[in-house]
Amino acid sequence: MTIPTDIHRPCPHRRRQARRWALTALVAIVSPGCLGPTCDRSGDDRAAVAYLQGTTSSEASFYQSSPSVGPYLHFPPGETFRLYHQLDGAPQSFNAYLSFAECPMPDPNHECSNSDRSVGDTSEAAGNEVVFENITAEYIQVRNDTCADFYLRVTASYVPLTLPALDGGSDALALADSGDASTADAN
């Protein structure tokens, strides 16, 4: 029995070699995204940028770094802002919003406009897009811990906590009576 010589069958070692080349090419294409960040986002070397603008309500209970329609603050990778809010105390509630456009929403007053409206819209920040580093009675410090360029808006609110005052009347007597009853039995 003779084996035909005109039939071409790939050798097993050639298939393995082709697989190795394909795997090497795949690793070369994918690995740059897996080797870590390709941008400098360490805020340690940079001082926080002091931002003294923004709007605080007349009651000093609400602050916004920018109006909802913009213009938002340019927020490049690694940038840190120290937003001075002028609230009556440290904010209890705070939010960060991001956009890829300086003016993400239609502005009825036409004070803020984009040349390209297709890149608008805004959403709340998530994950390390905006890291709240410090929140005090004077300022809010935020950092962009990504390699993406954004535009930033921060809002914060402060509501003073007030407790009802005991006027020495029936409320005080009721509290005293409830405390005295439990201690009187112990004596």
C-alpha atoms as a PDB file:
ATOM      1  CA  MET A   1       0.000   0.000   0.000  1.00  0.00           C
ATOM      2  CA  THR A   2       1.331   3.352  -1.003  1.00  0.00           C
ATOM      3  CA  ILE A   3       0.639   6.657   0.697  1.00  0.00           C
ATOM      4  CA  PRO A   4      -0.243   9.463  -1.682  1.00  0.00           C
ATOM      5  CA  THR A   5       2.321  12.241  -1.521  1.00  0.00           C
ATOM      6  CA  ASP A   6       0.125  14.972  -2.967  1.00  0.00           C
ATOM      7  CA  ILE A   7      -2.099  15.237   0.155  1.00  0.00           C
ATOM      8  CA  HIS A   8      -0.925  18.057   2.358  1.00  0.00           C
ATOM      9  CA  ARG A   9      -1.522  17.625   6.063  1.00  0.00           C
ATOM     10  CA  PRO A  10      -0.199  20.163   8.573  1.00  0.00           C
ATOM     11  CA  CYS A  11       2.303  18.748  10.964  1.00  0.00           C
ATOM     12  CA  PRO A  12       1.322  18.793  14.655  1.00  0.00           C
ATOM     13  CA  HIS A  13       4.388  20.850  15.565  1.00  0.00           C
ATOM     14  CA  ARG A  14       3.321  23.573  13.085  1.00  0.00           C
ATOM     15  CA  ARG A  15      -0.120  23.810  14.696  1.00  0.00           C
ATOM     16  CA  ARG A  16       1.487  24.247  18.112  1.00  0.00           C
ATOM     17  CA  GLN A  17       3.829  26.883  16.729  1.00  0.00           C
ATOM     18  CA  ALA A  18       0.884  28.779  15.173  1.00  0.00           C
ATOM     19  CA  ARG A  19      -0.974  28.667  18.506  1.00  0.00           C
ATOM     20  CA  ARG A  20       2.084  30.031  20.316  1.00  0.00           C
ATOM     21  CA  TRP A  21       2.366  32.935  17.856  1.00  0.00           C
ATOM     22  CA  ALA A  22      -1.349  33.683  18.210  1.00  0.00           C
ATOM     23  CA  LEU A  23      -1.092  33.623  22.008  1.00  0.00           C
ATOM     24  CA  THR A  24       2.004  35.857  21.927  1.00  0.00           C
ATOM     25  CA  ALA A  25       0.224  38.343  19.662  1.00  0.00           C
ATOM     26  CA  LEU A  26      -2.837  38.355  21.934  1.00  0.00           C
ATOM     27  CA  VAL A  27      -0.714  38.984  25.035  1.00  0.00           C
ATOM     28  CA  ALA A  28       1.131  41.815  23.260  1.00  0.00           C
ATOM     29  CA  ILE A  29      -2.154  43.476  22.326  1.00  0.00           C
ATOM     30  CA  VAL A  30      -3.888  43.076  25.697  1.00  0.00           C
ATOM     31  CA  SER A  31      -1.017  43.537  28.160  1.00  0.00           C
ATOM     32  CA  PRO A  32      -0.546  47.338  27.947  1.00  0.00           C
ATOM     33  CA  GLY A  33      -3.950  47.735  29.616  1.00  0.00           C
ATOM     34  CA  CYS A  34      -2.969  45.295  32.357  1.00  0.00           C
ATOM     35  CA  LEU A  35       0.406  46.719  33.290  1.00  0.00           C
ATOM     36  CA  GLY A  36      -1.051  49.450  35.477  1.00  0.00           C
ATOM     37  CA  PRO A  37      -1.993  53.054  34.939  1.00  0.00           C
ATOM     38  CA  THR A  38      -0.348  54.873  32.085  1.00  0.00           C
ATOM     39  CA  CYS A  39      -1.048  58.314  33.532  1.00  0.00           C
ATOM     40  CA  ASP A  40       0.221  60.153  36.581  1.00  0.00           C
ATOM     41  CA  ARG A  41      -2.668  60.321  39.014  1.00  0.00           C
ATOM     42  CA  SER A  42      -0.732  60.583  42.253  1.00  0.00           C
ATOM     43  CA  GLY A  43      -1.978  63.677  43.997  1.00  0.00           C
ATOM     44  CA  ASP A  44       0.843  63.487  46.565  1.00  0.00           C
ATOM     45  CA  ASP A  45       3.242  65.566  44.468  1.00  0.00           C
ATOM     46  CA  ARG A  46       0.659  68.203  43.616  1.00  0.00           C
ATOM     47  CA  ALA A  47      -0.855  70.724  45.967  1.00  0.00           C
ATOM     48  CA  ALA A  48      -4.630  70.936  46.075  1.00  0.00           C
ATOM     49  CA  VAL A  49      -6.060  73.693  43.898  1.00  0.00           C
ATOM     50  CA  ALA A  50      -7.986  76.145  46.098  1.00  0.00           C
ATOM     51  CA  TYR A  51     -11.410  76.898  44.624  1.00  0.00           C
ATOM     52  CA  LEU A  52     -13.073  79.908  46.243  1.00  0.00           C
ATOM     53  CA  GLN A  53     -15.948  80.336  43.811  1.00  0.00           C
ATOM     54  CA  GLY A  54     -19.153  78.384  43.734  1.00  0.00           C
ATOM     55  CA  THR A  55     -22.458  79.394  45.274  1.00  0.00           C
ATOM     56  CA  THR A  56     -23.603  79.116  48.883  1.00  0.00           C
ATOM     57  CA  SER A  57     -27.264  79.691  49.768  1.00  0.00           C
ATOM     58  CA  SER A  58     -28.193  82.726  51.879  1.00  0.00           C
ATOM     59  CA  GLU A  59     -29.007  80.385  54.809  1.00  0.00           C
ATOM     60  CA  ALA A  60     -25.500  78.852  54.455  1.00  0.00           C
ATOM     61  CA  SER A  61     -27.086  75.402  54.175  1.00  0.00           C
ATOM     62  CA  PHE A  62     -26.412  74.482  50.505  1.00  0.00           C
ATOM     63  CA  TYR A  63     -23.280  74.793  48.355  1.00  0.00           C
ATOM     64  CA  GLN A  64     -22.626  74.031  44.686  1.00  0.00           C
ATOM     65  CA  SER A  65     -19.318  74.428  42.906  1.00  0.00           C
ATOM     66  CA  SER A  66     -21.144  75.124  39.632  1.00  0.00           C
ATOM     67  CA  PRO A  67     -24.743  75.473  38.475  1.00  0.00           C
ATOM     68  CA  SER A  68     -26.266  72.225  37.167  1.00  0.00           C
ATOM     69  CA  VAL A  69     -26.030  73.500  33.573  1.00  0.00           C
ATOM     70  CA  GLY A  70     -22.347  74.427  33.986  1.00  0.00           C
ATOM     71  CA  PRO A  71     -19.690  75.429  33.486  1.00  0.00           C
ATOM     72  CA  TYR A  72     -18.218  72.538  35.467  1.00  0.00           C
ATOM     73  CA  LEU A  73     -14.607  72.521  36.722  1.00  0.00           C
ATOM     74  CA  HIS A  74     -12.032  70.883  34.464  1.00  0.00           C
ATOM     75  CA  PHE A  75     -10.947  67.755  36.386  1.00  0.00           C
ATOM     76  CA  PRO A  76      -7.931  66.056  34.726  1.00  0.00           C
ATOM     77  CA  PRO A  77      -6.309  62.831  36.012  1.00  0.00           C
ATOM     78  CA  GLY A  78      -4.720  63.226  39.456  1.00  0.00           C
ATOM     79  CA  GLU A  79      -6.201  66.711  40.010  1.00  0.00           C
ATOM     80  CA  THR A  80      -7.132  67.660  43.587  1.00  0.00           C
ATOM     81  CA  PHE A  81      -9.515  70.497  44.391  1.00  0.00           C
ATOM     82  CA  ARG A  82     -10.057  72.092  47.783  1.00  0.00           C
ATOM     83  CA  LEU A  83     -13.543  73.613  47.477  1.00  0.00           C
ATOM     84  CA  TYR A  84     -14.198  76.310  50.109  1.00  0.00           C
ATOM     85  CA  HIS A  85     -17.949  76.095  50.747  1.00  0.00           C
ATOM     86  CA  GLN A  86     -18.828  78.759  53.419  1.00  0.00           C
ATOM     87  CA  LEU A  87     -21.491  76.552  55.020  1.00  0.00           C
ATOM     88  CA  ASP A  88     -22.300  76.937  58.718  1.00  0.00           C
ATOM     89  CA  GLY A  89     -20.567  73.630  59.502  1.00  0.00           C
ATOM     90  CA  ALA A  90     -19.125  70.468  57.994  1.00  0.00           C
ATOM     91  CA  PRO A  91     -21.529  69.152  55.338  1.00  0.00           C
ATOM     92  CA  GLN A  92     -23.575  66.102  56.291  1.00  0.00           C
ATOM     93  CA  SER A  93     -24.518  65.400  52.685  1.00  0.00           C
ATOM     94  CA  PHE A  94     -22.327  65.802  49.595  1.00  0.00           C
ATOM     95  CA  ASN A  95     -22.396  64.602  45.983  1.00  0.00           C
ATOM     96  CA  ALA A  96     -20.112  64.754  42.976  1.00  0.00           C
ATOM     97  CA  TYR A  97     -21.304  64.894  39.376  1.00  0.00           C
ATOM     98  CA  LEU A  98     -19.171  64.329  36.282  1.00  0.00           C
ATOM     99  CA  SER A  99     -19.467  65.124  32.617  1.00  0.00           C
ATOM    100  CA  PHE A 100     -17.289  64.923  29.538  1.00  0.00           C
ATOM    101  CA  ALA A 101     -18.462  68.421  28.621  1.00  0.00           C
ATOM    102  CA  GLU A 102     -17.915  71.693  30.463  1.00  0.00           C
ATOM    103  CA  CYS A 103     -21.583  72.598  29.949  1.00  0.00           C
ATOM    104  CA  PRO A 104     -23.469  69.293  30.086  1.00  0.00           C
ATOM    105  CA  MET A 105     -27.070  70.529  29.999  1.00  0.00           C
ATOM    106  CA  PRO A 106     -29.057  73.055  27.994  1.00  0.00           C
ATOM    107  CA  ASP A 107     -28.750  76.499  29.571  1.00  0.00           C
ATOM    108  CA  PRO A 108     -31.913  78.619  29.313  1.00  0.00           C
ATOM    109  CA  ASN A 109     -29.866  81.761  30.093  1.00  0.00           C
ATOM    110  CA  HIS A 110     -27.227  80.906  27.456  1.00  0.00           C
ATOM    111  CA  GLU A 111     -24.401  81.622  29.924  1.00  0.00           C
ATOM    112  CA  CYS A 112     -22.787  78.278  29.210  1.00  0.00           C
ATOM    113  CA  SER A 113     -22.680  76.580  25.831  1.00  0.00           C
ATOM    114  CA  ASN A 114     -20.755  73.818  24.082  1.00  0.00           C
ATOM    115  CA  SER A 115     -19.755  73.924  20.482  1.00  0.00           C
ATOM    116  CA  ASP A 116     -20.557  70.189  20.337  1.00  0.00           C
ATOM    117  CA  ARG A 117     -23.769  69.328  22.226  1.00  0.00           C
ATOM    118  CA  SER A 118     -23.352  65.627  21.448  1.00  0.00           C
ATOM    119  CA  VAL A 119     -20.891  65.196  24.336  1.00  0.00           C
ATOM    120  CA  GLY A 120     -23.212  66.533  27.018  1.00  0.00           C
ATOM    121  CA  ASP A 121     -25.046  64.892  29.920  1.00  0.00           C
ATOM    122  CA  THR A 122     -23.982  64.449  33.506  1.00  0.00           C
ATOM    123  CA  SER A 123     -24.085  61.653  36.069  1.00  0.00           C
ATOM    124  CA  GLU A 124     -23.124  61.025  39.671  1.00  0.00           C
ATOM    125  CA  ALA A 125     -19.531  59.972  40.169  1.00  0.00           C
ATOM    126  CA  ALA A 126     -18.824  56.372  41.114  1.00  0.00           C
ATOM    127  CA  GLY A 127     -15.837  54.479  42.463  1.00  0.00           C
ATOM    128  CA  ASN A 128     -12.547  56.334  42.298  1.00  0.00           C
ATOM    129  CA  GLU A 129     -13.681  58.913  39.728  1.00  0.00           C
ATOM    130  CA  VAL A 130     -14.026  61.374  42.607  1.00  0.00           C
ATOM    131  CA  VAL A 131     -12.359  60.539  45.921  1.00  0.00           C
ATOM    132  CA  PHE A 132     -13.526  62.675  48.851  1.00  0.00           C
ATOM    133  CA  GLU A 133     -10.266  63.102  50.763  1.00  0.00           C
ATOM    134  CA  ASN A 134     -11.368  65.544  53.467  1.00  0.00           C
ATOM    135  CA  ILE A 135     -14.610  67.237  54.516  1.00  0.00           C
ATOM    136  CA  THR A 136     -14.408  70.015  57.094  1.00  0.00           C
ATOM    137  CA  ALA A 137     -16.394  73.047  58.236  1.00  0.00           C
ATOM    138  CA  GLU A 138     -14.290  75.109  55.785  1.00  0.00           C
ATOM    139  CA  TYR A 139     -13.749  72.982  52.681  1.00  0.00           C
ATOM    140  CA  ILE A 140     -14.310  69.746  50.767  1.00  0.00           C
ATOM    141  CA  GLN A 141     -11.226  68.173  49.195  1.00  0.00           C
ATOM    142  CA  VAL A 142     -11.732  65.891  46.177  1.00  0.00           C
ATOM    143  CA  ARG A 143      -9.301  64.070  43.866  1.00  0.00           C
ATOM    144  CA  ASN A 144      -9.632  62.459  40.431  1.00  0.00           C
ATOM    145  CA  ASP A 145      -8.087  59.012  40.963  1.00  0.00           C
ATOM    146  CA  THR A 146      -8.555  57.873  37.354  1.00  0.00           C
ATOM    147  CA  CYS A 147      -6.753  58.357  34.060  1.00  0.00           C
ATOM    148  CA  ALA A 148      -9.784  60.073  32.509  1.00  0.00           C
ATOM    149  CA  ASP A 149     -10.451  63.744  31.874  1.00  0.00           C
ATOM    150  CA  PHE A 150     -13.744  64.943  33.364  1.00  0.00           C
ATOM    151  CA  TYR A 151     -15.632  68.068  34.278  1.00  0.00           C
ATOM    152  CA  LEU A 152     -16.714  68.223  37.927  1.00  0.00           C
ATOM    153  CA  ARG A 153     -19.614  69.634  39.942  1.00  0.00           C
ATOM    154  CA  VAL A 154     -19.852  69.164  43.727  1.00  0.00           C
ATOM    155  CA  THR A 155     -22.872  69.879  45.911  1.00  0.00           C
ATOM    156  CA  ALA A 156     -23.035  69.830  49.707  1.00  0.00           C
ATOM    157  CA  SER A 157     -25.584  70.610  52.373  1.00  0.00           C
ATOM    158  CA  TYR A 158     -25.454  71.349  56.060  1.00  0.00           C
ATOM    159  CA  VAL A 159     -28.447  71.296  58.383  1.00  0.00           C
ATOM    160  CA  PRO A 160     -27.774  72.182  62.020  1.00  0.00           C
ATOM    161  CA  LEU A 161     -28.920  69.506  64.423  1.00  0.00           C
ATOM    162  CA  THR A 162     -31.163  70.941  67.110  1.00  0.00           C
ATOM    163  CA  LEU A 163     -32.415  69.074  70.131  1.00  0.00           C
ATOM    164  CA  PRO A 164     -35.578  70.097  71.940  1.00  0.00           C
ATOM    165  CA  ALA A 165     -34.719  72.147  75.006  1.00  0.00           C
ATOM    166  CA  LEU A 166     -35.941  70.989  78.384  1.00  0.00           C
ATOM    167  CA  ASP A 167     -37.739  73.945  79.886  1.00  0.00           C
ATOM    168  CA  GLY A 168     -37.963  72.548  83.398  1.00  0.00           C
ATOM    169  CA  GLY A 169     -41.685  71.957  82.902  1.00  0.00           C
ATOM    170  CA  SER A 170     -43.611  68.724  82.536  1.00  0.00           C
ATOM    171  CA  ASP A 171     -41.052  67.175  80.117  1.00  0.00           C
ATOM    172  CA  ALA A 172     -38.276  67.548  82.673  1.00  0.00           C
ATOM    173  CA  LEU A 173     -40.503  66.122  85.417  1.00  0.00           C
ATOM    174  CA  ALA A 174     -41.454  63.156  83.258  1.00  0.00           C
ATOM    175  CA  LEU A 175     -37.782  62.400  82.589  1.00  0.00           C
ATOM    176  CA  ALA A 176     -36.915  62.832  86.267  1.00  0.00           C
ATOM    177  CA  ASP A 177     -39.813  60.638  87.370  1.00  0.00           C
ATOM    178  CA  SER A 178     -38.862  57.846  84.986  1.00  0.00           C
ATOM    179  CA  GLY A 179     -35.271  57.924  86.242  1.00  0.00           C
ATOM    180  CA  ASP A 180     -36.281  58.215  89.936  1.00  0.00           C
ATOM    181  CA  ALA A 181     -38.646  55.253  89.775  1.00  0.00           C
ATOM    182  CA  SER A 182     -35.911  52.872  88.679  1.00  0.00           C
ATOM    183  CA  THR A 183     -33.388  54.132  91.231  1.00  0.00           C
ATOM    184  CA  ALA A 184     -35.896  54.308  94.100  1.00  0.00           C
ATOM    185  CA  ASP A 185     -36.527  50.563  93.870  1.00  0.00           C
ATOM    186  CA  ALA A 186     -32.799  49.883  94.028  1.00  0.00           C
ATOM    187  CA  ASN A 187     -32.446  51.747  97.360  1.00  0.00           C
END
